[in-house]
Amino acid sequence: MRSRDEIERLLFEELDRAKLAHEHAKKEFKAVLSQIPSGLPQPDGTARISNAGRANASTLNGYVQALREFNAFVIHGAVPERLKE
């Protein structure tokens, strides 16, 4: 069985990776939006905005999930199933 310290370290690393992924996706989304000065995208721009928006939302969901798991472990000692041996 993994030690409490090891589980906490693994969850924190996952949280950190999820945060960095979301920060990157958020920057990309803002960059795509900033390339549309008139506010009216060209037809291919709509797809770029949609793709960047989906990536932003997906990484945010991953970050929120990682944060929930980390908090649940630290506060309640709840170990995610994937980390149980």
Protein backbone atom coordinates (compact mmCIF):
# COMPACT_ATOMS: atom_id res chain seq x y z
CA MET A 1 0.00 0.00 0.00
CA ARG A 2 1.22 3.49 -0.80
CA SER A 3 2.10 5.81 2.05
CA ARG A 4 0.09 8.93 2.77
CA ASP A 5 3.05 11.09 1.73
CA GLU A 6 3.39 9.27 -1.59
CA ILE A 7 -0.33 9.60 -2.37
CA GLU A 8 -0.27 13.29 -1.47
CA ARG A 9 2.78 13.83 -3.68
CA LEU A 10 1.16 12.02 -6.63
CA LEU A 11 -2.07 13.98 -6.26
CA PHE A 12 -0.17 17.26 -5.98
CA GLU A 13 1.82 16.44 -9.13
CA GLU A 14 -1.42 15.69 -10.99
CA LEU A 15 -2.88 18.94 -9.72
CA ASP A 16 0.17 20.88 -10.85
CA ARG A 17 0.11 19.28 -14.33
CA ALA A 18 -3.61 19.99 -14.68
CA LYS A 19 -3.10 23.61 -13.65
CA LEU A 20 -0.28 24.11 -16.16
CA ALA A 21 -2.32 22.47 -18.94
CA HIS A 22 -5.25 24.75 -18.20
CA GLU A 23 -3.08 27.86 -18.08
CA HIS A 24 -1.65 26.94 -21.49
CA ALA A 25 -5.10 26.28 -23.00
CA LYS A 26 -6.42 29.53 -21.55
CA LYS A 27 -3.56 31.49 -23.13
CA GLU A 28 -4.17 29.77 -26.48
CA PHE A 29 -7.88 30.59 -26.30
CA LYS A 30 -7.15 34.24 -25.56
CA ALA A 31 -4.58 34.33 -28.37
CA VAL A 32 -7.13 32.99 -30.87
CA LEU A 33 -9.70 35.55 -29.74
CA SER A 34 -7.19 38.38 -29.98
CA GLN A 35 -6.57 37.55 -33.64
CA ILE A 36 -10.10 38.66 -34.50
CA PRO A 37 -9.90 42.46 -34.33
CA SER A 38 -13.40 43.12 -35.67
CA GLY A 39 -15.00 40.59 -33.36
CA LEU A 40 -16.47 38.82 -36.39
CA PRO A 41 -14.47 35.70 -37.22
CA GLN A 42 -13.92 34.36 -40.71
CA PRO A 43 -15.52 30.92 -41.34
CA ASP A 44 -12.30 29.05 -40.49
CA GLY A 45 -11.84 31.31 -37.47
CA THR A 46 -15.07 30.00 -36.01
CA ALA A 47 -13.65 26.48 -35.95
CA ARG A 48 -10.41 27.72 -34.35
CA ILE A 49 -12.39 29.52 -31.64
CA SER A 50 -14.55 26.46 -31.06
CA ASN A 51 -11.54 24.13 -30.82
CA ALA A 52 -9.66 26.46 -28.49
CA GLY A 53 -12.78 26.89 -26.36
CA ARG A 54 -13.26 23.14 -26.06
CA ALA A 55 -9.62 22.67 -25.07
CA ASN A 56 -9.96 25.43 -22.48
CA ALA A 57 -13.11 23.89 -21.01
CA SER A 58 -11.63 20.39 -21.02
CA THR A 59 -8.46 21.44 -19.21
CA LEU A 60 -10.49 23.45 -16.71
CA ASN A 61 -12.59 20.37 -15.96
CA GLY A 62 -9.42 18.33 -15.48
CA TYR A 63 -7.98 20.96 -13.15
CA VAL A 64 -11.18 21.10 -11.09
CA GLN A 65 -11.24 17.28 -10.81
CA ALA A 66 -7.60 17.18 -9.73
CA LEU A 67 -8.28 19.89 -7.15
CA ARG A 68 -11.30 18.00 -5.79
CA GLU A 69 -9.30 14.78 -5.46
CA PHE A 70 -6.39 16.54 -3.78
CA ASN A 71 -8.69 18.35 -1.33
CA ALA A 72 -10.69 15.19 -0.59
CA PHE A 73 -7.47 13.37 0.24
CA VAL A 74 -5.98 16.13 2.38
CA ILE A 75 -9.21 16.89 4.25
CA HIS A 76 -10.89 13.47 4.46
CA GLY A 77 -8.17 10.99 3.57
CA ALA A 78 -10.13 9.80 0.52
CA VAL A 79 -7.80 7.95 -1.85
CA PRO A 80 -8.86 7.84 -5.52
CA GLU A 81 -9.45 4.28 -6.75
CA ARG A 82 -6.65 4.51 -9.35
CA LEU A 83 -4.11 5.08 -6.55
CA LYS A 84 -5.24 2.17 -4.39
CA GLU A 85 -3.21 -1.00 -4.73
